[in-house]
Every structure is written in structure tokens, then in C-alpha cells.
Amino acid sequence: MKPNEDSGNINFTAVLRVGVAFTWAGLILGLSFIETPLKFQAPGVTTAIGLGIGRLVFTALNRVELVLGVLLLGSLIFKRSGKRSGIQYALVSLIVAIVIMQTFWLLPALDARAQLLIDGNPAPSSFHHGLFIVVESLKVLALLAIGVVAARADIARHAPAPATR
């Protein structure tokens, strides 16, 4: 019997996948959906200041997401036991594709628009912000789904059975 294969040991890569997925979802919920709208309601925070803070926060979040994406993908590629899960591969592929699209296209477009506004120039109307909200929401749902699927499929299977009397 291979290590972690029905031996009662919890699979490290599954625990990593679940931990990364839920931690990442929490970061997005906290920063994208709570902090971002609230900062513009704070006294003394102008649009330019809020956009400047937002650019810093989303640049940092994107860098963290790149690391988390590598960890999530690695936890699936190096899965040691059990059958390969098509749903987990599909969810991780969706998440990684979203992060790549945000990194190389969507965030630079939003950053350029924010810089125009910070500089006091009018910015043309754009669909990028609405699209960002949609893909952030989709990413959170996919992260929550991969966390639940991995927990049910990988961790629960390896958990020791409850003691009986």
C-alpha cells in the first residue's frame, strides 16, 4: 500500500488544496467585495486617493494570487492517492485561466483607466470594471467549490473512522 492510500493518513496535497482554496476565497471576499467599496465611503478619501490605494491593493493581491495559483495547481498535479478528479482539474483550470487573464489583460486595463482618473483626466466608459466583478465572483465560487470537492473527495476518505463502543 502506498503512503496516504486508504491508510487513515490525511493526504497533504488535499489539505493544501482545501486550505489554499478557502484562504484565497477569503482574501478575495475581504479585499474585492468588502474593503474596496468601503474605502470610498471613508471620510476624506477622495476618488484619486481611493483609486491609488486600490491600485496598490490589487497589485499586491494579484501577486499573492499567482503564488496561490501555483500552490493550488501543484497540489492537484502532485496528488498522491485516489483517482484523478475531472471536476477538480476543471475548477483549478478555470481559476488559473481567470488569474492569467486578470494579470495580463484585465488588471492592466483597469490600472490605466485608474491612472487617467488619478491624473484628473476623463476616462472613457469601459466594460472592464463590470467584467472584473463578474470574474472575481466566478473565481470565488470556483475556489469555494474546489475547497468543498477536495475536502469531501480527498480528506474525508482518509480521515480515521470514529471509534465505536
Protein backbone atom coordinates (compact mmCIF):
# COMPACT_ATOMS: atom_id res chain seq x y z
CA MET A 1 0.00 0.00 0.00
CA LYS A 2 1.31 3.44 -0.93
CA PRO A 3 1.53 6.18 1.74
CA ASN A 4 -1.76 8.00 2.27
CA GLU A 5 -3.67 5.41 0.26
CA ASP A 6 -6.57 4.26 2.43
CA SER A 7 -4.20 4.06 5.38
CA GLY A 8 -6.08 6.53 7.53
CA ASN A 9 -3.47 9.24 6.91
CA ILE A 10 -4.73 12.55 5.65
CA ASN A 11 -3.34 13.46 2.25
CA PHE A 12 -1.09 16.55 2.49
CA THR A 13 -1.84 17.75 -1.05
CA ALA A 14 -5.58 17.56 -0.38
CA VAL A 15 -5.21 19.55 2.84
CA LEU A 16 -3.08 22.09 0.95
CA ARG A 17 -5.70 22.34 -1.81
CA VAL A 18 -8.52 22.89 0.68
CA GLY A 19 -6.51 25.41 2.74
CA VAL A 20 -5.37 27.38 -0.29
CA ALA A 21 -8.86 27.42 -1.81
CA PHE A 22 -10.63 28.71 1.30
CA THR A 23 -7.85 31.16 2.24
CA TRP A 24 -7.82 32.57 -1.29
CA ALA A 25 -11.62 32.88 -1.39
CA GLY A 26 -11.47 34.75 1.93
CA LEU A 27 -8.84 37.16 0.60
CA ILE A 28 -10.96 37.98 -2.43
CA LEU A 29 -14.14 38.40 -0.40
CA GLY A 30 -12.36 40.63 2.11
CA LEU A 31 -10.47 42.80 -0.34
CA SER A 32 -12.53 42.87 -3.53
CA PHE A 33 -16.01 42.83 -2.07
CA ILE A 34 -15.66 44.45 1.37
CA GLU A 35 -12.58 46.72 1.54
CA THR A 36 -12.81 48.15 -1.96
CA PRO A 37 -16.32 49.64 -1.79
CA LEU A 38 -15.92 50.73 1.84
CA LYS A 39 -12.73 52.74 1.30
CA PHE A 40 -14.61 55.19 -0.93
CA GLN A 41 -17.09 55.84 1.91
CA ALA A 42 -14.40 56.79 4.44
CA PRO A 43 -14.21 60.49 5.36
CA GLY A 44 -11.52 62.36 3.47
CA VAL A 45 -10.86 59.64 0.92
CA THR A 46 -11.12 61.25 -2.49
CA THR A 47 -11.64 59.26 -5.66
CA ALA A 48 -7.98 59.77 -6.57
CA ILE A 49 -6.77 58.53 -3.16
CA GLY A 50 -9.17 55.57 -3.23
CA LEU A 51 -8.02 54.62 -6.73
CA GLY A 52 -4.37 54.94 -5.69
CA ILE A 53 -4.95 52.65 -2.71
CA GLY A 54 -6.92 50.26 -4.91
CA ARG A 55 -4.09 50.02 -7.43
CA LEU A 56 -1.65 49.08 -4.65
CA VAL A 57 -4.03 46.58 -3.05
CA PHE A 58 -4.96 44.84 -6.31
CA THR A 59 -1.34 44.67 -7.48
CA ALA A 60 -0.38 43.01 -4.19
CA LEU A 61 -3.41 40.71 -4.27
CA ASN A 62 -2.59 39.66 -7.83
CA ARG A 63 0.97 38.73 -6.83
CA VAL A 64 -0.34 36.68 -3.93
CA GLU A 65 -2.88 35.05 -6.27
CA LEU A 66 -0.11 33.99 -8.64
CA VAL A 67 1.62 32.18 -5.77
CA LEU A 68 -1.65 30.65 -4.55
CA GLY A 69 -2.44 29.55 -8.11
CA VAL A 70 0.89 27.71 -8.34
CA LEU A 71 0.24 26.06 -4.95
CA LEU A 72 -3.30 25.07 -5.95
CA LEU A 73 -2.20 23.67 -9.30
CA GLY A 74 0.76 21.87 -7.70
CA SER A 75 -1.46 20.33 -5.04
CA LEU A 76 -3.55 18.78 -7.79
CA ILE A 77 -0.69 17.72 -10.09
CA PHE A 78 1.20 16.06 -7.23
CA LYS A 79 -1.89 14.39 -5.77
CA ARG A 80 -0.59 11.11 -4.39
CA SER A 81 -3.63 8.97 -3.87
CA GLY A 82 -7.07 8.32 -5.21
CA LYS A 83 -8.26 8.76 -8.74
CA ARG A 84 -7.78 11.99 -10.61
CA SER A 85 -10.86 14.18 -10.32
CA GLY A 86 -12.07 15.77 -13.53
CA ILE A 87 -14.13 18.34 -11.63
CA GLN A 88 -11.11 19.40 -9.58
CA TYR A 89 -8.99 19.78 -12.72
CA ALA A 90 -11.77 21.78 -14.40
CA LEU A 91 -12.17 24.11 -11.40
CA VAL A 92 -8.44 24.67 -10.97
CA SER A 93 -8.06 25.26 -14.72
CA LEU A 94 -10.85 27.86 -14.60
CA ILE A 95 -9.26 29.61 -11.60
CA VAL A 96 -5.80 29.67 -13.18
CA ALA A 97 -7.23 30.91 -16.51
CA ILE A 98 -9.02 33.76 -14.70
CA VAL A 99 -5.86 34.79 -12.84
CA ILE A 100 -3.82 34.75 -16.06
CA MET A 101 -6.46 36.83 -17.86
CA GLN A 102 -6.60 39.29 -14.97
CA THR A 103 -2.80 39.53 -14.72
CA PHE A 104 -2.03 40.15 -18.36
CA TRP A 105 -5.14 41.93 -19.64
CA LEU A 106 -7.86 42.99 -17.22
CA LEU A 107 -5.84 44.50 -14.36
CA PRO A 108 -3.53 46.47 -16.70
CA ALA A 109 -6.62 47.91 -18.45
CA LEU A 110 -8.19 48.87 -15.10
CA ASP A 111 -4.87 50.28 -13.89
CA ALA A 112 -4.53 52.51 -16.96
CA ARG A 113 -8.10 53.78 -16.51
CA ALA A 114 -7.49 54.45 -12.80
CA GLN A 115 -4.32 56.38 -13.64
CA LEU A 116 -6.27 58.62 -16.02
CA LEU A 117 -8.74 59.44 -13.24
CA ILE A 118 -5.97 59.96 -10.67
CA ASP A 119 -4.30 62.41 -13.07
CA GLY A 120 -7.58 64.33 -13.35
CA ASN A 121 -8.31 63.26 -16.92
CA PRO A 122 -11.67 61.98 -18.06
CA ALA A 123 -11.70 58.24 -18.59
CA PRO A 124 -13.77 56.75 -21.37
CA SER A 125 -16.55 54.42 -20.31
CA SER A 126 -15.39 50.84 -20.07
CA PHE A 127 -16.78 47.36 -19.54
CA HIS A 128 -13.62 46.26 -17.69
CA HIS A 129 -14.84 47.04 -14.17
CA GLY A 130 -18.08 45.11 -14.63
CA LEU A 131 -16.18 42.21 -16.14
CA PHE A 132 -13.75 42.26 -13.21
CA ILE A 133 -16.64 41.91 -10.75
CA VAL A 134 -18.08 39.00 -12.74
CA VAL A 135 -14.79 37.09 -12.98
CA GLU A 136 -13.93 37.78 -9.31
CA SER A 137 -17.33 36.34 -8.37
CA LEU A 138 -16.78 33.33 -10.62
CA LYS A 139 -13.30 32.83 -9.15
CA VAL A 140 -14.67 32.89 -5.58
CA LEU A 141 -17.38 30.37 -6.46
CA ALA A 142 -14.82 28.10 -8.14
CA LEU A 143 -12.48 28.38 -5.13
CA LEU A 144 -15.27 27.51 -2.71
CA ALA A 145 -16.29 24.61 -4.94
CA ILE A 146 -12.76 23.21 -5.21
CA GLY A 147 -12.40 23.51 -1.42
CA VAL A 148 -15.60 21.58 -0.80
CA VAL A 149 -14.95 18.98 -3.50
CA ALA A 150 -11.37 18.37 -2.32
CA ALA A 151 -12.48 18.14 1.31
CA ARG A 152 -15.22 15.66 0.51
CA ALA A 153 -13.30 13.60 -2.02
CA ASP A 154 -9.80 13.53 -0.60
CA ILE A 155 -9.73 14.44 3.07
CA ALA A 156 -12.92 12.72 4.26
CA ARG A 157 -11.87 9.47 2.56
CA HIS A 158 -8.60 9.42 4.50
CA ALA A 159 -9.94 10.51 7.87
CA PRO A 160 -9.88 7.82 10.54
CA ALA A 161 -13.19 6.21 11.26
CA PRO A 162 -14.86 7.28 14.51
CA ALA A 163 -14.28 4.95 17.43
CA THR A 164 -17.22 2.73 18.32
CA ARG A 165 -18.04 1.36 21.74
